[in-house]
């Protein structure tokens, strides 16, 4: 079930918008005009990705704790030391609102 997460206007390219949806820390991104949602928590050291929003590069996000990088689009782990992927969630824009679906 989709849950409202943020206003579309709040999500800017190269930034992370941290929100809480049903108790889950979610990071929202604008990649080439499309909105994506991932967990805001790195699976390696459980650091909050949104603490350093300047580490979004294209469609990748880097965890400032140990340098692990992840695909914002797929959650794929692109750089150790993390070995697990980043959790991703379906994001949908309806009019001017962003909705996220959690599992």
PDB file of N, CA and C in Angstrom:
ATOM      1  N   UNK A   1       0.836  -1.174   0.000  1.00  0.00           N
ATOM      2  CA  UNK A   1       0.000   0.000   0.000  1.00  0.00           C
ATOM      3  C   UNK A   1       0.891   1.251   0.000  1.00  0.00           C
ATOM      4  N   UNK A   2       0.587   2.175  -0.887  1.00  0.00           N
ATOM      5  CA  UNK A   2       1.366   3.408  -0.983  1.00  0.00           C
ATOM      6  C   UNK A   2       1.032   4.348   0.167  1.00  0.00           C
ATOM      7  N   UNK A   3       2.082   4.960   0.706  1.00  0.00           N
ATOM      8  CA  UNK A   3       1.938   5.928   1.793  1.00  0.00           C
ATOM      9  C   UNK A   3       2.560   7.250   1.357  1.00  0.00           C
ATOM     10  N   UNK A   4       1.906   8.361   1.688  1.00  0.00           N
ATOM     11  CA  UNK A   4       2.464   9.669   1.357  1.00  0.00           C
ATOM     12  C   UNK A   4       3.779   9.849   2.104  1.00  0.00           C
ATOM     13  N   UNK A   5       4.800  10.331   1.383  1.00  0.00           N
ATOM     14  CA  UNK A   5       6.123  10.490   1.984  1.00  0.00           C
ATOM     15  C   UNK A   5       6.586  11.943   2.012  1.00  0.00           C
ATOM     16  N   UNK A   6       6.280  12.713   0.957  1.00  0.00           N
ATOM     17  CA  UNK A   6       6.800  14.082   0.862  1.00  0.00           C
ATOM     18  C   UNK A   6       6.113  14.819  -0.280  1.00  0.00           C
ATOM     19  N   UNK A   7       6.354  16.103  -0.318  1.00  0.00           N
ATOM     20  CA  UNK A   7       5.943  16.912  -1.451  1.00  0.00           C
ATOM     21  C   UNK A   7       7.012  16.768  -2.537  1.00  0.00           C
ATOM     22  N   UNK A   8       6.605  16.681  -3.784  1.00  0.00           N
ATOM     23  CA  UNK A   8       7.564  16.545  -4.887  1.00  0.00           C
ATOM     24  C   UNK A   8       8.528  17.731  -4.925  1.00  0.00           C
ATOM     25  N   UNK A   9       8.048  18.898  -4.579  1.00  0.00           N
ATOM     26  CA  UNK A   9       8.887  20.103  -4.607  1.00  0.00           C
ATOM     27  C   UNK A   9      10.040  20.052  -3.613  1.00  0.00           C
ATOM     28  N   UNK A  10       9.946  19.209  -2.600  1.00  0.00           N
ATOM     29  CA  UNK A  10      10.994  19.108  -1.583  1.00  0.00           C
ATOM     30  C   UNK A  10      12.200  18.285  -2.044  1.00  0.00           C
ATOM     31  N   UNK A  11      12.054  17.559  -3.139  1.00  0.00           N
ATOM     32  CA  UNK A  11      13.107  16.642  -3.584  1.00  0.00           C
ATOM     33  C   UNK A  11      13.853  17.260  -4.758  1.00  0.00           C
ATOM     34  N   UNK A  12      15.118  17.562  -4.522  1.00  0.00           N
ATOM     35  CA  UNK A  12      15.964  18.246  -5.512  1.00  0.00           C
ATOM     36  C   UNK A  12      17.067  17.308  -6.000  1.00  0.00           C
ATOM     37  N   UNK A  13      17.526  17.497  -7.237  1.00  0.00           N
ATOM     38  CA  UNK A  13      18.638  16.682  -7.739  1.00  0.00           C
ATOM     39  C   UNK A  13      19.881  16.813  -6.848  1.00  0.00           C
ATOM     40  N   UNK A  14      20.616  15.729  -6.708  1.00  0.00           N
ATOM     41  CA  UNK A  14      21.885  15.674  -5.961  1.00  0.00           C
ATOM     42  C   UNK A  14      21.697  15.874  -4.464  1.00  0.00           C
ATOM     43  N   UNK A  15      20.491  15.685  -3.956  1.00  0.00           N
ATOM     44  CA  UNK A  15      20.223  15.803  -2.517  1.00  0.00           C
ATOM     45  C   UNK A  15      19.475  14.568  -2.043  1.00  0.00           C
ATOM     46  N   UNK A  16      19.496  14.368  -0.733  1.00  0.00           N
ATOM     47  CA  UNK A  16      18.726  13.303  -0.106  1.00  0.00           C
ATOM     48  C   UNK A  16      17.704  13.958   0.800  1.00  0.00           C
ATOM     49  N   UNK A  17      16.461  13.501   0.688  1.00  0.00           N
ATOM     50  CA  UNK A  17      15.419  13.956   1.599  1.00  0.00           C
ATOM     51  C   UNK A  17      15.075  12.773   2.493  1.00  0.00           C
ATOM     52  N   UNK A  18      15.296  12.937   3.784  1.00  0.00           N
ATOM     53  CA  UNK A  18      15.002  11.879   4.747  1.00  0.00           C
ATOM     54  C   UNK A  18      13.580  12.040   5.259  1.00  0.00           C
ATOM     55  N   UNK A  19      12.827  10.940   5.225  1.00  0.00           N
ATOM     56  CA  UNK A  19      11.469  10.924   5.743  1.00  0.00           C
ATOM     57  C   UNK A  19      11.264   9.631   6.521  1.00  0.00           C
ATOM     58  N   UNK A  20      10.205   9.602   7.302  1.00  0.00           N
ATOM     59  CA  UNK A  20       9.828   8.375   7.979  1.00  0.00           C
ATOM     60  C   UNK A  20       8.473   7.948   7.447  1.00  0.00           C
ATOM     61  N   UNK A  21       8.398   6.697   7.006  1.00  0.00           N
ATOM     62  CA  UNK A  21       7.163   6.135   6.480  1.00  0.00           C
ATOM     63  C   UNK A  21       6.880   4.858   7.253  1.00  0.00           C
ATOM     64  N   UNK A  22       5.785   4.849   7.979  1.00  0.00           N
ATOM     65  CA  UNK A  22       5.402   3.682   8.785  1.00  0.00           C
ATOM     66  C   UNK A  22       6.552   3.200   9.670  1.00  0.00           C
ATOM     67  N   UNK A  23       7.278   4.122  10.272  1.00  0.00           N
ATOM     68  CA  UNK A  23       8.375   3.777  11.169  1.00  0.00           C
ATOM     69  C   UNK A  23       9.678   3.421  10.476  1.00  0.00           C
ATOM     70  N   UNK A  24       9.705   3.454   9.160  1.00  0.00           N
ATOM     71  CA  UNK A  24      10.902   3.130   8.376  1.00  0.00           C
ATOM     72  C   UNK A  24      11.609   4.413   7.956  1.00  0.00           C
ATOM     73  N   UNK A  25      12.939   4.475   8.149  1.00  0.00           N
ATOM     74  CA  UNK A  25      13.730   5.612   7.677  1.00  0.00           C
ATOM     75  C   UNK A  25      13.952   5.454   6.178  1.00  0.00           C
ATOM     76  N   UNK A  26      13.415   6.399   5.409  1.00  0.00           N
ATOM     77  CA  UNK A  26      13.448   6.328   3.953  1.00  0.00           C
ATOM     78  C   UNK A  26      14.190   7.541   3.409  1.00  0.00           C
ATOM     79  N   UNK A  27      15.012   7.319   2.385  1.00  0.00           N
ATOM     80  CA  UNK A  27      15.706   8.394   1.684  1.00  0.00           C
ATOM     81  C   UNK A  27      15.071   8.552   0.310  1.00  0.00           C
ATOM     82  N   UNK A  28      14.755   9.788  -0.054  1.00  0.00           N
ATOM     83  CA  UNK A  28      14.170  10.089  -1.357  1.00  0.00           C
ATOM     84  C   UNK A  28      15.175  10.860  -2.193  1.00  0.00           C
ATOM     85  N   UNK A  29      15.199  10.576  -3.491  1.00  0.00           N
ATOM     86  CA  UNK A  29      16.158  11.175  -4.403  1.00  0.00           C
ATOM     87  C   UNK A  29      15.465  11.578  -5.701  1.00  0.00           C
ATOM     88  N   UNK A  30      15.999  12.590  -6.365  1.00  0.00           N
ATOM     89  CA  UNK A  30      15.598  12.963  -7.719  1.00  0.00           C
ATOM     90  C   UNK A  30      16.772  12.614  -8.619  1.00  0.00           C
ATOM     91  N   UNK A  31      16.591  11.626  -9.484  1.00  0.00           N
ATOM     92  CA  UNK A  31      17.621  11.226 -10.430  1.00  0.00           C
ATOM     93  C   UNK A  31      17.058  11.458 -11.830  1.00  0.00           C
ATOM     94  N   UNK A  32      17.586  12.451 -12.502  1.00  0.00           N
ATOM     95  CA  UNK A  32      17.136  12.789 -13.854  1.00  0.00           C
ATOM     96  C   UNK A  32      15.627  13.028 -13.915  1.00  0.00           C
ATOM     97  N   UNK A  33      15.094  13.674 -12.878  1.00  0.00           N
ATOM     98  CA  UNK A  33      13.673  14.008 -12.853  1.00  0.00           C
ATOM     99  C   UNK A  33      12.763  12.912 -12.342  1.00  0.00           C
ATOM    100  N   UNK A  34      13.312  11.739 -12.059  1.00  0.00           N
ATOM    101  CA  UNK A  34      12.528  10.621 -11.544  1.00  0.00           C
ATOM    102  C   UNK A  34      12.811  10.453 -10.052  1.00  0.00           C
ATOM    103  N   UNK A  35      11.780  10.166  -9.274  1.00  0.00           N
ATOM    104  CA  UNK A  35      11.942  10.013  -7.828  1.00  0.00           C
ATOM    105  C   UNK A  35      12.190   8.546  -7.489  1.00  0.00           C
ATOM    106  N   UNK A  36      13.191   8.330  -6.634  1.00  0.00           N
ATOM    107  CA  UNK A  36      13.525   6.998  -6.144  1.00  0.00           C
ATOM    108  C   UNK A  36      13.520   7.011  -4.624  1.00  0.00           C
ATOM    109  N   UNK A  37      13.286   5.836  -4.032  1.00  0.00           N
ATOM    110  CA  UNK A  37      13.265   5.697  -2.575  1.00  0.00           C
ATOM    111  C   UNK A  37      14.104   4.497  -2.171  1.00  0.00           C
ATOM    112  N   UNK A  38      14.969   4.709  -1.175  1.00  0.00           N
ATOM    113  CA  UNK A  38      15.761   3.621  -0.602  1.00  0.00           C
ATOM    114  C   UNK A  38      15.663   3.721   0.912  1.00  0.00           C
ATOM    115  N   UNK A  39      16.187   2.719   1.575  1.00  0.00           N
ATOM    116  CA  UNK A  39      16.373   2.840   3.012  1.00  0.00           C
ATOM    117  C   UNK A  39      17.356   3.975   3.253  1.00  0.00           C
ATOM    118  N   UNK A  40      17.178   4.693   4.333  1.00  0.00           N
ATOM    119  CA  UNK A  40      18.121   5.755   4.686  1.00  0.00           C
ATOM    120  C   UNK A  40      19.254   5.204   5.553  1.00  0.00           C
ATOM    121  N   UNK A  41      19.260   3.902   5.762  1.00  0.00           N
ATOM    122  CA  UNK A  41      20.243   3.266   6.638  1.00  0.00           C
ATOM    123  C   UNK A  41      21.154   2.347   5.819  1.00  0.00           C
ATOM    124  N   UNK A  42      22.451   2.582   5.906  1.00  0.00           N
ATOM    125  CA  UNK A  42      23.429   1.751   5.218  1.00  0.00           C
ATOM    126  C   UNK A  42      23.400   0.343   5.819  1.00  0.00           C
ATOM    127  N   UNK A  43      23.389  -0.707   4.983  1.00  0.00           N
ATOM    128  CA  UNK A  43      23.342  -2.071   5.517  1.00  0.00           C
ATOM    129  C   UNK A  43      24.658  -2.543   6.132  1.00  0.00           C
ATOM    130  N   UNK A  44      25.713  -1.775   5.979  1.00  0.00           N
ATOM    131  CA  UNK A  44      27.012  -2.182   6.522  1.00  0.00           C
ATOM    132  C   UNK A  44      27.182  -1.742   7.972  1.00  0.00           C
ATOM    133  N   UNK A  45      27.138  -0.457   8.221  1.00  0.00           N
ATOM    134  CA  UNK A  45      27.406   0.048   9.576  1.00  0.00           C
ATOM    135  C   UNK A  45      26.195   0.762  10.162  1.00  0.00           C
ATOM    136  N   UNK A  46      25.070   0.679   9.468  1.00  0.00           N
ATOM    137  CA  UNK A  46      23.806   1.265   9.938  1.00  0.00           C
ATOM    138  C   UNK A  46      23.890   2.776  10.133  1.00  0.00           C
ATOM    139  N   UNK A  47      24.716   3.426   9.325  1.00  0.00           N
ATOM    140  CA  UNK A  47      24.789   4.887   9.337  1.00  0.00           C
ATOM    141  C   UNK A  47      23.637   5.451   8.518  1.00  0.00           C
ATOM    142  N   UNK A  48      23.226   6.650   8.854  1.00  0.00           N
ATOM    143  CA  UNK A  48      22.141   7.308   8.135  1.00  0.00           C
ATOM    144  C   UNK A  48      22.724   7.994   6.892  1.00  0.00           C
ATOM    145  N   UNK A  49      22.269   7.586   5.717  1.00  0.00           N
ATOM    146  CA  UNK A  49      22.802   8.129   4.466  1.00  0.00           C
ATOM    147  C   UNK A  49      22.526   9.619   4.323  1.00  0.00           C
ATOM    148  N   UNK A  50      21.407  10.081   4.827  1.00  0.00           N
ATOM    149  CA  UNK A  50      21.022  11.485   4.649  1.00  0.00           C
ATOM    150  C   UNK A  50      21.822  12.451   5.514  1.00  0.00           C
ATOM    151  N   UNK A  51      22.672  11.951   6.399  1.00  0.00           N
ATOM    152  CA  UNK A  51      23.475  12.850   7.234  1.00  0.00           C
ATOM    153  C   UNK A  51      24.405  13.711   6.392  1.00  0.00           C
ATOM    154  N   UNK A  52      24.827  13.211   5.258  1.00  0.00           N
ATOM    155  CA  UNK A  52      25.720  13.956   4.365  1.00  0.00           C
ATOM    156  C   UNK A  52      25.139  13.930   2.964  1.00  0.00           C
ATOM    157  N   UNK A  53      24.190  14.801   2.721  1.00  0.00           N
ATOM    158  CA  UNK A  53      23.454  14.795   1.460  1.00  0.00           C
ATOM    159  C   UNK A  53      24.306  15.178   0.259  1.00  0.00           C
ATOM    160  N   UNK A  54      25.520  15.618   0.489  1.00  0.00           N
ATOM    161  CA  UNK A  54      26.375  16.003  -0.630  1.00  0.00           C
ATOM    162  C   UNK A  54      27.080  14.811  -1.269  1.00  0.00           C
ATOM    163  N   UNK A  55      26.755  13.604  -0.859  1.00  0.00           N
ATOM    164  CA  UNK A  55      27.427  12.434  -1.403  1.00  0.00           C
ATOM    165  C   UNK A  55      26.544  11.667  -2.387  1.00  0.00           C
ATOM    166  N   UNK A  56      25.651  12.380  -3.054  1.00  0.00           N
ATOM    167  CA  UNK A  56      24.876  11.822  -4.148  1.00  0.00           C
ATOM    168  C   UNK A  56      25.577  12.239  -5.434  1.00  0.00           C
ATOM    169  N   UNK A  57      25.929  11.253  -6.252  1.00  0.00           N
ATOM    170  CA  UNK A  57      26.618  11.526  -7.501  1.00  0.00           C
ATOM    171  C   UNK A  57      25.887  10.782  -8.611  1.00  0.00           C
ATOM    172  N   UNK A  58      25.133  11.522  -9.422  1.00  0.00           N
ATOM    173  CA  UNK A  58      24.349  10.876 -10.474  1.00  0.00           C
ATOM    174  C   UNK A  58      23.303   9.972  -9.861  1.00  0.00           C
ATOM    175  N   UNK A  59      23.394   8.673 -10.156  1.00  0.00           N
ATOM    176  CA  UNK A  59      22.433   7.734  -9.586  1.00  0.00           C
ATOM    177  C   UNK A  59      23.089   6.837  -8.530  1.00  0.00           C
ATOM    178  N   UNK A  60      24.115   7.381  -7.867  1.00  0.00           N
ATOM    179  CA  UNK A  60      24.800   6.657  -6.786  1.00  0.00           C
ATOM    180  C   UNK A  60      24.787   7.482  -5.511  1.00  0.00           C
ATOM    181  N   UNK A  61      24.728   6.772  -4.378  1.00  0.00           N
ATOM    182  CA  UNK A  61      24.834   7.416  -3.077  1.00  0.00           C
ATOM    183  C   UNK A  61      25.972   6.728  -2.321  1.00  0.00           C
ATOM    184  N   UNK A  62      26.737   7.529  -1.606  1.00  0.00           N
ATOM    185  CA  UNK A  62      27.871   7.009  -0.841  1.00  0.00           C
ATOM    186  C   UNK A  62      27.615   7.180   0.643  1.00  0.00           C
ATOM    187  N   UNK A  63      27.876   6.145   1.407  1.00  0.00           N
ATOM    188  CA  UNK A  63      27.763   6.221   2.859  1.00  0.00           C
ATOM    189  C   UNK A  63      29.025   6.890   3.403  1.00  0.00           C
ATOM    190  N   UNK A  64      28.843   7.933   4.179  1.00  0.00           N
ATOM    191  CA  UNK A  64      29.990   8.680   4.697  1.00  0.00           C
ATOM    192  C   UNK A  64      30.744   7.941   5.798  1.00  0.00           C
ATOM    193  N   UNK A  65      30.170   6.893   6.356  1.00  0.00           N
ATOM    194  CA  UNK A  65      30.862   6.166   7.429  1.00  0.00           C
ATOM    195  C   UNK A  65      32.092   5.413   6.933  1.00  0.00           C
ATOM    196  N   UNK A  66      31.928   4.639   5.859  1.00  0.00           N
ATOM    197  CA  UNK A  66      33.042   3.822   5.389  1.00  0.00           C
ATOM    198  C   UNK A  66      33.210   3.826   3.878  1.00  0.00           C
ATOM    199  N   UNK A  67      32.439   4.648   3.157  1.00  0.00           N
ATOM    200  CA  UNK A  67      32.645   4.791   1.725  1.00  0.00           C
ATOM    201  C   UNK A  67      31.917   3.809   0.828  1.00  0.00           C
ATOM    202  N   UNK A  68      31.053   2.987   1.378  1.00  0.00           N
ATOM    203  CA  UNK A  68      30.281   2.094   0.514  1.00  0.00           C
ATOM    204  C   UNK A  68      29.398   2.923  -0.406  1.00  0.00           C
ATOM    205  N   UNK A  69      29.290   2.486  -1.662  1.00  0.00           N
ATOM    206  CA  UNK A  69      28.442   3.178  -2.635  1.00  0.00           C
ATOM    207  C   UNK A  69      27.366   2.221  -3.124  1.00  0.00           C
ATOM    208  N   UNK A  70      26.190   2.804  -3.414  1.00  0.00           N
ATOM    209  CA  UNK A  70      25.047   2.017  -3.845  1.00  0.00           C
ATOM    210  C   UNK A  70      24.353   2.689  -5.026  1.00  0.00           C
ATOM    211  N   UNK A  71      23.742   1.877  -5.868  1.00  0.00           N
ATOM    212  CA  UNK A  71      22.899   2.396  -6.939  1.00  0.00           C
ATOM    213  C   UNK A  71      21.586   2.865  -6.321  1.00  0.00           C
ATOM    214  N   UNK A  72      21.224   4.107  -6.581  1.00  0.00           N
ATOM    215  CA  UNK A  72      19.948   4.622  -6.089  1.00  0.00           C
ATOM    216  C   UNK A  72      18.802   3.929  -6.815  1.00  0.00           C
ATOM    217  N   UNK A  73      18.993   3.602  -8.079  1.00  0.00           N
ATOM    218  CA  UNK A  73      17.925   2.981  -8.882  1.00  0.00           C
ATOM    219  C   UNK A  73      17.615   1.549  -8.456  1.00  0.00           C
ATOM    220  N   UNK A  74      18.666   0.773  -8.150  1.00  0.00           N
ATOM    221  CA  UNK A  74      18.475  -0.659  -7.895  1.00  0.00           C
ATOM    222  C   UNK A  74      18.850  -1.099  -6.485  1.00  0.00           C
ATOM    223  N   UNK A  75      19.617  -0.280  -5.776  1.00  0.00           N
ATOM    224  CA  UNK A  75      20.113  -0.664  -4.458  1.00  0.00           C
ATOM    225  C   UNK A  75      21.382  -1.493  -4.518  1.00  0.00           C
ATOM    226  N   UNK A  76      21.858  -1.818  -5.707  1.00  0.00           N
ATOM    227  CA  UNK A  76      23.047  -2.666  -5.849  1.00  0.00           C
ATOM    228  C   UNK A  76      24.242  -2.057  -5.126  1.00  0.00           C
ATOM    229  N   UNK A  77      24.998  -2.923  -4.484  1.00  0.00           N
ATOM    230  CA  UNK A  77      26.224  -2.523  -3.809  1.00  0.00           C
ATOM    231  C   UNK A  77      27.299  -2.341  -4.881  1.00  0.00           C
ATOM    232  N   UNK A  78      27.888  -1.150  -4.935  1.00  0.00           N
ATOM    233  CA  UNK A  78      28.879  -0.843  -5.957  1.00  0.00           C
ATOM    234  C   UNK A  78      30.301  -0.762  -5.428  1.00  0.00           C
ATOM    235  N   UNK A  79      30.444  -0.665  -4.091  1.00  0.00           N
ATOM    236  CA  UNK A  79      31.775  -0.484  -3.514  1.00  0.00           C
ATOM    237  C   UNK A  79      31.775  -0.983  -2.075  1.00  0.00           C
ATOM    238  N   UNK A  80      32.738  -1.861  -1.715  1.00  0.00           N
ATOM    239  CA  UNK A  80      32.835  -2.325  -0.331  1.00  0.00           C
ATOM    240  C   UNK A  80      33.195  -1.169   0.602  1.00  0.00           C
ATOM    241  N   UNK A  81      33.075  -1.298   1.898  1.00  0.00           N
ATOM    242  CA  UNK A  81      33.047  -2.572   2.608  1.00  0.00           C
ATOM    243  C   UNK A  81      31.665  -3.211   2.746  1.00  0.00           C
ATOM    244  N   UNK A  82      30.589  -2.522   2.431  1.00  0.00           N
ATOM    245  CA  UNK A  82      29.269  -3.162   2.507  1.00  0.00           C
ATOM    246  C   UNK A  82      29.224  -4.327   1.528  1.00  0.00           C
ATOM    247  N   UNK A  83      28.557  -5.396   1.924  1.00  0.00           N
ATOM    248  CA  UNK A  83      28.406  -6.538   1.022  1.00  0.00           C
ATOM    249  C   UNK A  83      26.947  -6.734   0.622  1.00  0.00           C
ATOM    250  N   UNK A  84      26.035  -6.187   1.400  1.00  0.00           N
ATOM    251  CA  UNK A  84      24.618  -6.316   1.096  1.00  0.00           C
ATOM    252  C   UNK A  84      24.133  -5.120   0.278  1.00  0.00           C
ATOM    253  N   UNK A  85      23.077  -5.315  -0.498  1.00  0.00           N
ATOM    254  CA  UNK A  85      22.504  -4.185  -1.239  1.00  0.00           C
ATOM    255  C   UNK A  85      21.732  -3.258  -0.305  1.00  0.00           C
ATOM    256  N   UNK A  86      21.455  -2.081  -0.799  1.00  0.00           N
ATOM    257  CA  UNK A  86      20.621  -1.107  -0.096  1.00  0.00           C
ATOM    258  C   UNK A  86      19.166  -1.428  -0.422  1.00  0.00           C
ATOM    259  N   UNK A  87      18.318  -1.436   0.584  1.00  0.00           N
ATOM    260  CA  UNK A  87      16.893  -1.712   0.340  1.00  0.00           C
ATOM    261  C   UNK A  87      16.283  -0.586  -0.491  1.00  0.00           C
ATOM    262  N   UNK A  88      15.480  -0.957  -1.459  1.00  0.00           N
ATOM    263  CA  UNK A  88      14.778   0.019  -2.288  1.00  0.00           C
ATOM    264  C   UNK A  88      13.280  -0.170  -2.126  1.00  0.00           C
ATOM    265  N   UNK A  89      12.545   0.904  -2.406  1.00  0.00           N
ATOM    266  CA  UNK A  89      11.092   0.881  -2.307  1.00  0.00           C
ATOM    267  C   UNK A  89      10.508   1.524  -3.559  1.00  0.00           C
ATOM    268  N   UNK A  90       9.329   1.101  -3.923  1.00  0.00           N
ATOM    269  CA  UNK A  90       8.643   1.713  -5.059  1.00  0.00           C
ATOM    270  C   UNK A  90       8.203   3.110  -4.667  1.00  0.00           C
ATOM    271  N   UNK A  91       8.512   4.080  -5.520  1.00  0.00           N
ATOM    272  CA  UNK A  91       8.090   5.466  -5.310  1.00  0.00           C
ATOM    273  C   UNK A  91       7.216   5.881  -6.486  1.00  0.00           C
ATOM    274  N   UNK A  92       6.202   6.640  -6.180  1.00  0.00           N
ATOM    275  CA  UNK A  92       5.268   7.100  -7.212  1.00  0.00           C
ATOM    276  C   UNK A  92       4.901   8.549  -6.936  1.00  0.00           C
ATOM    277  N   UNK A  93       4.894   9.353  -7.988  1.00  0.00           N
ATOM    278  CA  UNK A  93       4.494  10.752  -7.865  1.00  0.00           C
ATOM    279  C   UNK A  93       3.065  10.874  -8.371  1.00  0.00           C
ATOM    280  N   UNK A  94       2.221  11.434  -7.529  1.00  0.00           N
ATOM    281  CA  UNK A  94       0.828  11.710  -7.897  1.00  0.00           C
ATOM    282  C   UNK A  94       0.595  13.188  -7.692  1.00  0.00           C
ATOM    283  N   UNK A  95       0.345  13.873  -8.809  1.00  0.00           N
ATOM    284  CA  UNK A  95       0.214  15.327  -8.795  1.00  0.00           C
ATOM    285  C   UNK A  95       1.462  15.917  -8.171  1.00  0.00           C
ATOM    286  N   UNK A  96       1.410  16.516  -7.014  1.00  0.00           N
ATOM    287  CA  UNK A  96       2.601  17.132  -6.432  1.00  0.00           C
ATOM    288  C   UNK A  96       3.069  16.403  -5.169  1.00  0.00           C
ATOM    289  N   UNK A  97       2.615  15.173  -4.987  1.00  0.00           N
ATOM    290  CA  UNK A  97       2.957  14.403  -3.795  1.00  0.00           C
ATOM    291  C   UNK A  97       3.726  13.136  -4.177  1.00  0.00           C
ATOM    292  N   UNK A  98       4.647  12.719  -3.286  1.00  0.00           N
ATOM    293  CA  UNK A  98       5.418  11.495  -3.483  1.00  0.00           C
ATOM    294  C   UNK A  98       4.882  10.451  -2.516  1.00  0.00           C
ATOM    295  N   UNK A  99       4.625   9.261  -3.055  1.00  0.00           N
ATOM    296  CA  UNK A  99       4.146   8.140  -2.270  1.00  0.00           C
ATOM    297  C   UNK A  99       5.169   7.018  -2.364  1.00  0.00           C
ATOM    298  N   UNK A 100       5.321   6.270  -1.260  1.00  0.00           N
ATOM    299  CA  UNK A 100       6.280   5.173  -1.190  1.00  0.00           C
ATOM    300  C   UNK A 100       5.535   3.923  -0.736  1.00  0.00           C
ATOM    301  N   UNK A 101       5.918   2.784  -1.335  1.00  0.00           N
ATOM    302  CA  UNK A 101       5.338   1.510  -0.928  1.00  0.00           C
ATOM    303  C   UNK A 101       6.391   0.694  -0.201  1.00  0.00           C
ATOM    304  N   UNK A 102       6.119   0.368   1.044  1.00  0.00           N
ATOM    305  CA  UNK A 102       7.013  -0.482   1.825  1.00  0.00           C
ATOM    306  C   UNK A 102       6.542  -1.925   1.729  1.00  0.00           C
ATOM    307  N   UNK A 103       7.468  -2.876   1.850  1.00  0.00           N
ATOM    308  CA  UNK A 103       7.069  -4.303   1.775  1.00  0.00           C
ATOM    309  C   UNK A 103       6.207  -4.705   2.953  1.00  0.00           C
TER     310      UNK A 103
END
